[in-house]
Protein backbone atom coordinates (compact mmCIF):
# COMPACT_ATOMS: atom_id res chain seq x y z
CA MET A 1 -16.45 -11.42 -7.15
CA LEU A 2 -13.78 -11.84 -4.46
CA ARG A 3 -13.67 -15.59 -5.11
CA LYS A 4 -13.17 -14.89 -8.81
CA ALA A 5 -10.36 -12.46 -8.03
CA VAL A 6 -8.63 -15.07 -5.87
CA ILE A 7 -8.96 -17.68 -8.63
CA VAL A 8 -7.46 -15.28 -11.17
CA ALA A 9 -4.61 -14.47 -8.78
CA THR A 10 -4.01 -18.19 -8.20
CA VAL A 11 -3.74 -18.89 -11.93
CA LYS A 12 -1.29 -16.01 -12.37
CA VAL A 13 0.85 -17.15 -9.42
CA ILE A 14 0.97 -20.74 -10.65
CA PHE A 15 2.13 -19.37 -13.98
CA ILE A 16 4.83 -17.35 -12.19
CA LEU A 17 5.93 -20.46 -10.27
CA ALA A 18 6.23 -22.41 -13.50
CA VAL A 19 8.41 -19.67 -14.93
CA TRP A 20 10.73 -19.69 -11.95
CA ALA A 21 10.95 -23.48 -12.11
CA ILE A 22 12.17 -23.07 -15.69
CA LEU A 23 14.51 -20.21 -14.84
CA GLY A 24 16.07 -21.92 -11.84
CA SER A 25 19.24 -20.02 -11.10
CA GLN A 26 19.08 -18.19 -14.42
CA SER A 27 18.44 -14.85 -12.72
CA SER A 28 22.19 -14.20 -12.78
CA GLY A 29 22.49 -15.21 -16.43
CA SER A 30 22.80 -13.04 -19.50
CA THR A 31 19.09 -12.66 -20.21
CA PHE A 32 18.52 -11.04 -16.81
CA ASN A 33 21.44 -8.63 -17.00
CA LYS A 34 20.89 -6.86 -20.29
CA THR A 35 21.98 -3.24 -20.08
CA SER A 36 22.66 -2.05 -23.64
CA LEU A 37 19.10 -2.01 -24.90
CA SER A 38 17.00 -0.21 -27.45
CA ALA A 39 14.46 2.11 -25.82
CA LEU A 40 12.14 1.45 -28.74
CA GLN A 41 12.01 -2.30 -28.19
CA GLU A 42 13.15 -3.18 -24.67
CA PRO A 43 13.28 -1.62 -21.22
CA ARG A 44 16.43 -0.24 -19.66
CA LEU A 45 18.05 -1.10 -16.36
CA TRP A 46 17.31 1.93 -14.19
CA LYS A 47 20.20 4.06 -13.04
CA PRO A 48 19.74 7.33 -11.18
CA PRO A 49 20.22 10.26 -13.59
CA LEU A 50 23.27 12.44 -13.02
CA ALA A 51 21.24 15.08 -11.20
CA MET A 52 19.93 12.49 -8.77
CA ARG A 53 23.26 10.67 -8.30
CA GLN A 54 24.88 13.95 -7.26
CA LEU A 55 22.25 14.38 -4.55
CA MET A 56 22.22 10.87 -3.13
CA LEU A 57 24.60 11.76 -0.30
CA PRO A 58 24.12 10.45 3.23
CA LEU A 59 23.26 13.89 4.58
CA GLN A 60 19.79 12.84 5.67
CA PRO A 61 18.10 9.46 5.42
CA HIS A 62 15.99 8.82 2.36
CA LEU A 63 12.43 7.64 2.86
CA ALA A 64 13.20 7.69 6.57
CA GLU A 65 9.60 7.26 7.63
CA SER A 66 7.97 5.20 4.90
CA LEU A 67 10.54 2.38 4.65
CA PRO A 68 10.38 1.44 8.35
CA MET A 69 6.60 1.85 8.29
CA ILE A 70 6.08 -0.94 5.73
CA GLY A 71 8.74 -3.20 7.25
CA ALA A 72 11.33 -2.72 4.50
CA THR A 73 13.99 -1.76 7.06
CA SER A 74 13.37 -4.94 9.08
CA ALA A 75 13.39 -7.03 5.91
CA ARG A 76 16.73 -5.64 4.79
CA GLN A 77 18.26 -6.30 8.22
CA LEU A 78 17.21 -9.93 7.82
CA GLY A 79 18.73 -10.15 4.34
CA PHE A 80 15.54 -9.76 2.28
CA ASP A 81 15.96 -7.05 -0.36
CA GLY A 82 14.20 -8.42 -3.45
CA SER A 83 17.31 -10.14 -4.81
CA GLY A 84 16.60 -12.52 -7.68
CA PHE A 85 13.53 -10.67 -8.93
CA GLY A 86 12.84 -7.84 -11.33
CA ILE A 87 10.55 -4.79 -11.14
CA LEU A 88 9.43 -2.97 -14.28
CA VAL A 89 8.44 0.70 -14.01
CA ILE A 90 6.39 1.95 -16.96
CA ASP A 91 6.38 5.73 -16.77
CA ASP A 92 7.44 9.05 -18.26
CA PHE A 93 11.20 9.46 -17.98
CA ASP A 94 11.47 12.80 -19.78
CA PRO A 95 13.61 14.98 -17.47
CA ASP A 96 12.37 18.31 -16.18
CA SER A 97 14.44 21.40 -15.44
CA SER A 98 16.09 19.65 -12.49
CA GLY A 99 17.35 16.83 -14.72
CA MET A 100 14.95 14.29 -13.24
CA ALA A 101 11.58 12.89 -14.26
CA HIS A 102 8.41 11.55 -12.66
CA GLY A 103 9.53 8.04 -13.55
CA ASP A 104 12.91 8.53 -11.86
CA TYR A 105 11.28 9.33 -8.54
CA VAL A 106 8.95 6.33 -8.90
CA ALA A 107 11.82 3.99 -9.77
CA TYR A 108 13.85 5.44 -6.91
CA VAL A 109 11.16 4.50 -4.39
CA ALA A 110 10.85 0.96 -5.78
CA GLN A 111 14.63 0.51 -5.66
CA ALA A 112 14.77 1.87 -2.09
CA VAL A 113 12.21 -0.72 -0.93
CA ALA A 114 13.95 -3.57 -2.80
CA PRO A 115 17.61 -2.55 -3.25
CA GLY A 116 18.57 -6.06 -4.33
CA ALA A 117 16.01 -6.25 -7.14
CA LYS A 118 16.69 -5.19 -10.70
CA VAL A 119 14.52 -2.20 -11.58
CA TRP A 120 13.82 -2.00 -15.31
CA THR A 121 12.18 1.01 -16.90
CA PHE A 122 10.04 1.63 -19.96
CA ASP A 123 9.95 5.29 -21.00
CA ILE A 124 6.58 5.80 -22.65
CA SER A 125 4.56 8.71 -24.02
CA LEU A 126 1.71 9.22 -21.56
CA ARG A 127 -1.66 10.81 -22.18
CA ASP A 128 -2.84 14.01 -20.57
CA HIS A 129 -4.67 13.21 -17.32
CA TYR A 130 -7.73 15.24 -18.35
CA THR A 131 -7.83 15.36 -22.16
CA GLN A 132 -6.31 11.89 -22.74
CA ARG A 133 -4.32 13.32 -25.66
CA LEU A 134 -0.89 11.83 -26.22
CA ILE A 135 1.89 14.02 -24.84
CA PRO A 136 4.86 14.16 -27.28
CA ASP A 137 7.97 12.45 -25.93
CA VAL A 138 10.88 14.88 -25.75
CA ASN A 139 13.28 11.98 -26.24
CA GLY A 140 11.78 11.46 -29.66
CA ASP A 141 11.13 7.74 -29.33
CA ASP A 142 7.33 7.99 -28.73
CA VAL A 143 7.00 4.50 -27.29
CA THR A 144 3.35 3.95 -26.38
CA GLU A 145 1.87 2.20 -23.39
CA ASN A 146 0.58 -0.49 -25.74
CA ASP A 147 4.14 -1.07 -26.97
CA ALA A 148 5.37 -1.53 -23.42
CA LEU A 149 2.57 -3.84 -22.30
CA SER A 150 2.84 -5.92 -25.45
CA TRP A 151 6.56 -6.35 -24.76
CA VAL A 152 5.88 -7.36 -21.15
CA SER A 153 3.36 -10.01 -22.20
CA GLU A 154 5.99 -11.69 -24.38
CA HIS A 155 9.22 -11.22 -22.41
CA TRP A 156 8.52 -10.87 -18.69
CA GLN A 157 9.56 -14.46 -17.92
CA GLU A 158 13.01 -14.33 -19.47
CA TRP A 159 13.73 -10.99 -17.81
CA GLY A 160 12.68 -12.20 -14.36
CA ILE A 161 10.02 -9.49 -13.93
CA ILE A 162 7.58 -10.37 -11.16
CA VAL A 163 5.80 -7.00 -10.82
CA VAL A 164 4.98 -4.04 -13.08
CA ASN A 165 4.41 -0.55 -11.64
CA MET A 166 2.13 1.96 -13.39
CA SER A 167 2.06 5.30 -11.54
CA TYR A 168 -0.26 7.03 -13.97
CA GLY A 169 -3.89 6.92 -15.02
CA ALA A 170 -6.98 8.68 -16.27
CA GLU A 171 -9.40 10.71 -14.17
CA PHE A 172 -12.42 9.27 -15.97
CA PRO A 173 -14.20 6.99 -16.05
CA ARG A 174 -13.79 6.31 -12.34
CA GLU A 175 -15.49 3.14 -11.17
CA PRO A 176 -16.39 2.02 -7.62
CA ILE A 177 -15.19 -1.53 -8.21
CA TYR A 178 -14.13 -2.64 -11.69
CA CYS A 179 -14.03 -1.26 -15.21
CA ASP A 180 -13.54 -2.76 -18.65
CA ASP A 181 -10.12 -1.66 -19.87
CA TRP A 182 -8.39 -2.19 -23.20
CA ARG A 183 -5.27 -3.25 -21.26
CA ASP A 184 -7.03 -6.25 -19.73
CA GLN A 185 -5.75 -8.38 -22.60
CA TYR A 186 -2.27 -7.87 -21.10
CA PHE A 187 -3.19 -7.75 -17.41
CA GLN A 188 -4.90 -11.16 -17.41
CA LYS A 189 -1.63 -13.06 -17.39
CA GLY A 190 1.98 -12.55 -16.53
CA PRO A 191 3.40 -10.57 -13.61
CA ILE A 192 1.58 -8.69 -10.87
CA TYR A 193 0.36 -5.29 -12.12
CA ILE A 194 0.36 -2.40 -9.64
CA ALA A 195 -1.41 0.91 -10.44
CA ALA A 196 -1.70 4.21 -8.60
CA ALA A 197 -5.33 4.75 -7.58
CA GLY A 198 -5.21 8.46 -8.44
CA ASN A 199 -5.28 11.79 -6.61
CA ASP A 200 -8.81 13.02 -7.33
CA GLY A 201 -9.96 12.71 -3.71
CA ASP A 202 -12.66 10.20 -4.58
CA PRO A 203 -13.00 7.82 -1.60
CA TYR A 204 -15.29 5.47 -3.54
CA ALA A 205 -13.76 4.98 -7.00
CA ALA A 206 -10.60 4.88 -9.12
CA GLY A 207 -9.94 5.42 -12.82
CA PRO A 208 -8.13 3.21 -15.34
CA PRO A 209 -5.86 1.34 -15.20
CA ALA A 210 -6.39 1.14 -11.42
CA CYS A 211 -10.01 0.03 -11.86
CA SER A 212 -9.08 -2.93 -14.03
CA TYR A 213 -10.21 -6.22 -12.54
CA TYR A 214 -6.72 -7.69 -12.98
CA VAL A 215 -4.74 -4.84 -11.40
CA MET A 216 -3.87 -4.08 -7.77
CA PRO A 217 -4.83 -0.41 -7.11
CA VAL A 218 -2.80 1.47 -4.50
CA GLY A 219 -4.03 4.35 -2.37
CA ALA A 220 -1.91 6.71 -0.28
CA VAL A 221 -1.68 6.93 3.52
CA TRP A 222 0.24 9.28 5.78
CA ASP A 223 3.54 8.03 7.20
CA PHE A 224 3.53 10.50 10.12
CA THR A 225 1.20 12.29 12.51
CA ALA A 226 0.96 16.07 12.91
CA ASN A 227 -1.24 18.46 14.80
CA GLN A 228 -1.43 21.04 12.02
CA LEU A 229 -3.57 20.73 8.90
CA ASP A 230 -1.90 19.93 5.60
CA ARG A 231 -3.16 21.05 2.18
CA PHE A 232 -2.96 19.00 -0.99
CA GLY A 233 -4.62 20.45 -4.07
CA ASN A 234 -8.21 21.24 -3.16
CA CYS A 235 -8.40 19.25 0.07
CA VAL A 236 -7.18 19.86 3.60
CA ASP A 237 -6.20 16.97 5.84
CA GLN A 238 -4.73 16.34 9.27
CA PRO A 239 -1.88 13.86 8.89
CA ALA A 240 -2.36 10.71 10.96
CA LEU A 241 -0.05 7.74 10.72
CA GLY A 242 -1.58 5.00 8.58
CA ASN A 243 -4.74 6.96 7.64
CA LEU A 244 -5.81 7.42 4.04
CA THR A 245 -5.02 10.91 2.76
CA CYS A 246 -7.83 13.24 1.71
CA TYR A 247 -6.65 13.28 -1.91
CA SER A 248 -6.28 9.53 -2.38
CA ASN A 249 -8.81 7.71 -4.50
CA ALA A 250 -10.09 4.48 -2.97
CA SER A 251 -12.43 1.83 -4.30
CA SER A 252 -14.10 -1.42 -3.31
CA HIS A 253 -11.76 -3.32 -5.63
CA ALA A 254 -11.02 -6.70 -3.99
CA GLN A 255 -7.28 -6.04 -4.16
CA PHE A 256 -7.24 -2.36 -3.15
CA ILE A 257 -4.33 -1.69 -0.80
CA ALA A 258 -2.72 1.43 0.66
CA ALA A 259 0.89 2.44 1.28
CA PRO A 260 2.82 5.57 2.29
CA GLY A 261 2.33 8.24 -0.36
CA SER A 262 2.39 11.66 1.26
CA ARG A 263 5.40 13.76 2.19
CA ILE A 264 7.67 10.99 0.97
CA THR A 265 11.13 12.49 1.32
CA SER A 266 13.47 12.29 -1.65
CA ARG A 267 16.26 14.42 -3.06
CA GLY A 268 15.38 17.38 -5.24
CA PHE A 269 17.44 19.91 -7.14
CA HIS A 270 20.56 21.48 -5.52
CA SER A 271 20.50 19.04 -2.55
CA MET A 272 17.16 20.36 -1.35
CA LEU A 273 14.93 17.72 0.18
CA ARG A 274 11.81 17.32 -1.90
CA ASP A 275 8.56 15.99 -0.50
CA LEU A 276 6.71 13.77 -2.93
CA ASP A 277 2.93 13.52 -2.66
CA GLY A 278 0.53 11.25 -4.46
CA THR A 279 -0.52 7.69 -5.09
CA SER A 280 2.23 7.66 -7.74
CA PHE A 281 4.71 7.23 -4.90
CA ALA A 282 2.56 4.87 -2.84
CA ALA A 283 2.45 2.37 -5.73
CA PRO A 284 6.23 1.71 -5.96
CA HIS A 285 6.31 0.98 -2.21
CA VAL A 286 3.98 -1.93 -3.01
CA ALA A 287 5.78 -2.92 -6.21
CA GLY A 288 9.13 -3.07 -4.44
CA GLY A 289 7.49 -4.84 -1.54
CA TRP A 290 6.18 -7.64 -3.75
CA ALA A 291 9.73 -8.37 -4.92
CA VAL A 292 10.78 -8.64 -1.26
CA ILE A 293 7.80 -10.89 -0.44
CA ALA A 294 8.63 -13.15 -3.37
CA GLN A 295 12.20 -13.51 -2.10
CA ILE A 296 11.06 -14.20 1.48
CA LEU A 297 8.66 -16.91 0.35
CA LEU A 298 11.14 -18.40 -2.09
CA GLU A 299 13.79 -18.72 0.64
CA THR A 300 11.53 -19.79 3.51
CA THR A 301 8.91 -21.96 1.81
CA PRO A 302 9.27 -25.40 0.19
CA SER A 303 9.17 -25.00 -3.58
CA GLU A 304 5.97 -27.01 -3.90
CA GLN A 305 4.20 -24.56 -1.55
CA TRP A 306 5.58 -21.30 -3.00
CA ALA A 307 2.70 -20.64 -5.39
CA GLU A 308 0.13 -21.27 -2.68
CA LYS A 309 1.87 -18.97 -0.20
CA LEU A 310 2.31 -16.19 -2.75
CA THR A 311 -1.39 -16.42 -3.58
CA GLU A 312 -2.22 -16.10 0.11
CA ALA A 313 0.16 -13.18 0.58
CA PHE A 314 -2.43 -10.48 -0.06
CA GLU A 315 -4.76 -12.02 2.54
CA ARG A 316 -2.01 -11.65 5.15
CA MET A 317 -1.90 -7.87 4.78
CA PRO A 318 -3.30 -6.11 7.87
CA TYR A 319 -6.53 -4.11 7.87
CA ALA A 320 -7.07 -0.47 8.75
CA TYR A 321 -10.33 1.44 9.03
CA ASP A 322 -11.43 4.46 6.96
CA ARG A 323 -13.98 6.58 8.82
CA ARG A 324 -14.84 8.56 5.65
CA THR A 325 -16.38 5.52 3.99
CA ASP A 326 -17.01 3.30 7.05
CA ARG A 327 -15.03 0.42 5.59
CA TYR A 328 -11.78 -1.45 6.02
CA TYR A 329 -8.86 -1.47 3.66
CA ARG A 330 -5.58 -3.37 3.45
CA LEU A 331 -2.39 -1.59 4.52
CA PHE A 332 0.76 -2.87 2.85
CA SER A 333 3.23 -4.38 5.31
CA LEU A 334 6.10 -6.85 5.18
CA GLU A 335 5.84 -7.56 8.90
CA PRO A 336 3.43 -10.53 8.59
CA PHE A 337 6.07 -12.26 6.45
CA LEU A 338 8.92 -11.47 8.83
CA ALA A 339 7.20 -12.51 12.07
CA PRO A 340 5.36 -15.81 11.46
CA SER A 341 4.34 -15.95 15.13
CA GLY A 342 1.76 -13.23 14.45
CA PRO A 343 1.04 -9.67 15.58
CA PRO A 344 2.73 -8.35 18.73
CA ILE A 345 -0.62 -7.65 20.45
CA GLU A 346 -3.99 -9.25 21.08
CA VAL A 347 -7.12 -7.07 21.13
CA TYR A 348 -10.82 -7.47 21.87
CA TRP A 349 -13.83 -5.48 23.10
CA ILE A 350 -15.79 -5.91 26.32
CA VAL A 351 -19.19 -4.25 25.84
CA PRO A 352 -22.67 -4.88 27.24
CA GLN A 353 -24.92 -6.86 24.96
CA THR A 354 -27.86 -4.52 25.44
CA VAL A 355 -28.34 -0.97 26.73
CA GLN A 356 -31.23 1.44 26.77
CA VAL A 357 -31.51 4.69 24.89
CA GLY A 358 -30.16 7.52 27.02
CA SER A 359 -28.36 5.29 29.52
CA THR A 360 -24.58 5.42 29.91
CA PHE A 361 -22.30 2.42 29.59
CA GLU A 362 -18.61 1.63 29.46
CA ALA A 363 -17.00 0.14 26.36
CA GLN A 364 -13.61 -1.41 27.14
CA LEU A 365 -11.01 -2.13 24.51
CA ILE A 366 -8.56 -4.69 25.88
CA ILE A 367 -5.01 -4.76 24.50
CA ARG A 368 -2.45 -7.36 25.58
CA VAL A 369 1.23 -7.21 24.59
CA VAL A 370 2.49 -10.64 23.47
CA ARG A 371 5.74 -9.59 21.75
CA SER A 372 8.11 -6.70 22.24
CA THR A 373 6.91 -3.47 20.65
CA ARG A 374 8.03 0.17 20.73
CA ALA A 375 4.61 1.80 21.04
CA ILE A 376 0.89 1.19 20.65
CA MET A 377 -1.66 3.61 19.19
CA ALA A 378 -5.41 3.09 19.34
CA SER A 379 -8.32 4.97 17.78
CA VAL A 380 -11.92 4.26 18.76
CA TYR A 381 -14.73 4.98 16.29
CA ILE A 382 -18.30 5.24 17.59
CA PRO A 383 -21.57 5.39 15.62
CA ASP A 384 -22.99 8.84 14.85
CA SER A 385 -25.88 8.26 17.24
CA PHE A 386 -23.47 7.67 20.15
CA GLU A 387 -21.96 10.34 22.37
CA ILE A 388 -18.78 10.24 24.44
CA VAL A 389 -19.86 11.19 27.95
CA SER A 390 -16.36 10.94 29.38
CA GLY A 391 -13.02 9.66 28.17
CA GLN A 392 -11.47 10.01 24.74
CA SER A 393 -11.25 8.35 21.34
CA ARG A 394 -7.46 8.16 20.92
CA TYR A 395 -4.93 6.43 23.13
CA GLY A 396 -1.21 5.72 23.11
CA TRP A 397 1.41 3.84 25.11
CA LEU A 398 5.19 4.08 24.81
CA LEU A 399 7.55 1.15 25.46
CA PRO A 400 4.87 -1.18 26.85
CA GLU A 401 6.15 -4.11 28.89
CA LEU A 402 5.86 -7.62 27.51
CA GLY A 403 2.74 -9.24 28.94
CA ALA A 404 1.16 -5.92 29.93
CA THR A 405 -2.60 -5.47 29.49
CA PHE A 406 -4.16 -2.09 28.73
CA LYS A 407 -7.79 -1.04 28.96
CA ALA A 408 -9.07 1.81 26.83
CA GLY A 409 -12.48 3.08 26.00
CA PRO A 410 -14.86 5.89 26.80
CA ILE A 411 -18.13 6.10 28.70
CA LEU A 412 -20.84 6.25 26.03
CA SER A 413 -24.49 7.10 25.63
CA ALA A 414 -26.79 6.13 22.73
CA SER A 415 -29.57 8.37 21.44
CA MET A 416 -31.54 5.93 19.27
CA PRO A 417 -32.43 2.21 19.25
CA GLY A 418 -30.82 -0.32 16.92
CA ILE A 419 -27.84 -2.65 16.55
CA PHE A 420 -24.57 -0.74 16.37
CA THR A 421 -20.91 -1.60 15.90
CA LEU A 422 -18.06 -0.03 17.83
CA ARG A 423 -14.82 -0.11 15.88
CA ALA A 424 -11.19 0.44 16.79
CA THR A 425 -7.89 0.44 14.94
CA ILE A 426 -5.00 -0.60 17.16
CA THR A 427 -1.55 -0.07 15.70
CA PRO A 428 1.57 -1.44 17.37
CA VAL A 429 4.87 0.06 16.22
CA THR A 430 7.66 -2.52 16.11
CA ALA A 431 11.22 -1.93 17.22
CA SER A 432 12.17 -1.01 13.63
CA GLY A 433 9.26 1.42 13.22
CA ALA A 434 6.96 -0.85 11.18
CA LEU A 435 3.19 -0.76 11.55
CA TRP A 436 1.02 -3.83 11.99
CA PRO A 437 -2.51 -2.47 12.51
CA LEU A 438 -5.35 -4.61 13.80
CA VAL A 439 -9.06 -3.87 13.86
CA ALA A 440 -11.54 -4.84 16.54
CA GLU A 441 -15.34 -4.67 16.62
CA GLY A 442 -17.85 -4.73 19.43
CA VAL A 443 -21.61 -5.00 18.82
CA VAL A 444 -24.12 -3.27 21.07
CA THR A 445 -27.92 -3.55 20.88
CA VAL A 446 -29.66 -0.35 21.97
CA LEU A 447 -33.23 -0.86 23.17
CA PRO A 448 -35.97 1.78 23.46
CA ARG A 449 -36.07 3.42 26.85
CA GLU A 450 -38.51 1.75 29.20
CA GLU A 451 -40.91 4.23 30.65
CA THR A 452 -41.54 3.85 34.35
CA PRO A 453 -45.30 3.46 34.98
CA PRO A 454 -46.82 6.31 37.01
């Protein structure tokens, strides 16, 4: 299935490359800069509504934690801001009592990640999350999702749209991997489609459109660490930088990826800071990020290799580990595209090949600093049948010296025989605050205890 997904992605990227070969420098031409458009037939160039423009004052930094975390701050400092590419946000743009709408916050995040990109919006009438009944559009235009997707399939090339963000979805039917979706007829070709995975707290499945085979579903991770518990809906979680939130859906979809989506700081009514929670706000981090990646590859890669590199881009995303489901997931980051020399650390385990049940042994996680980094965090995950006799499972180092080597790891004891895997997530924090997590595994064979003959 993964091979098929890669083939599909390759075909789509080659199609995108062909479009850009035709467009050339046309991104600054008239077709890319349309602003007086009919909401019934074409998207609009997003502009912050009056209520939001009045609040966008430099009193406190916007998205101060999430943008550095994914490498957007580093990218902007190097001149990569998504320029030359377009992002389309399909969402509900009916304003609430504060004068803003769900779609405005989503578009705002995408624009913050890629300030040089053109963010287009399609205001559609969405369906109720539970009943799936169409919610009347207060603007009176009642543009449907089908209208928007049909338009995209015909016009995305001439408008320079490389990615479409869909921060909405249905609770059912949730699927662990893929689902058949009526939108697949549109998703199979054209731009990259990003969808919020949903906030139902299902760590094994996601609903449509996020479960479509041709869509990239996005889960939400924390962009900070706190000692106190945090409540979201019906779940309680302890925020930990880079960890999946308790409310985020997650699936085994080949292109599932996670991004900051909890306590994302934006401006609310009357200059009050508003914390945004949900996969709805993780998705536009990825959508904006793809515009930045496209620009990086277009400016740093020979044209004949651009399609190949864009296809490989997803495979360059770093892994993180989810203890809830005992599986790895991709964490969105621009850092692998900004630092071609590789991660700033090297990691590996030193563990005994075999031990006996009940005996104690040391498991050493070795971390070597190969490039300058601000801090390193490490979390060790042991099998349920193992016990920490001494030591701890979490470690951290501030301002480590270049070339320094650190050893971490507890003294363990195993209670049952078998072949077990020790796992660790090691996350260096770059000078700009970006995360580039790595995962390491060590395999231990536990043998039955040998009884001493009388």
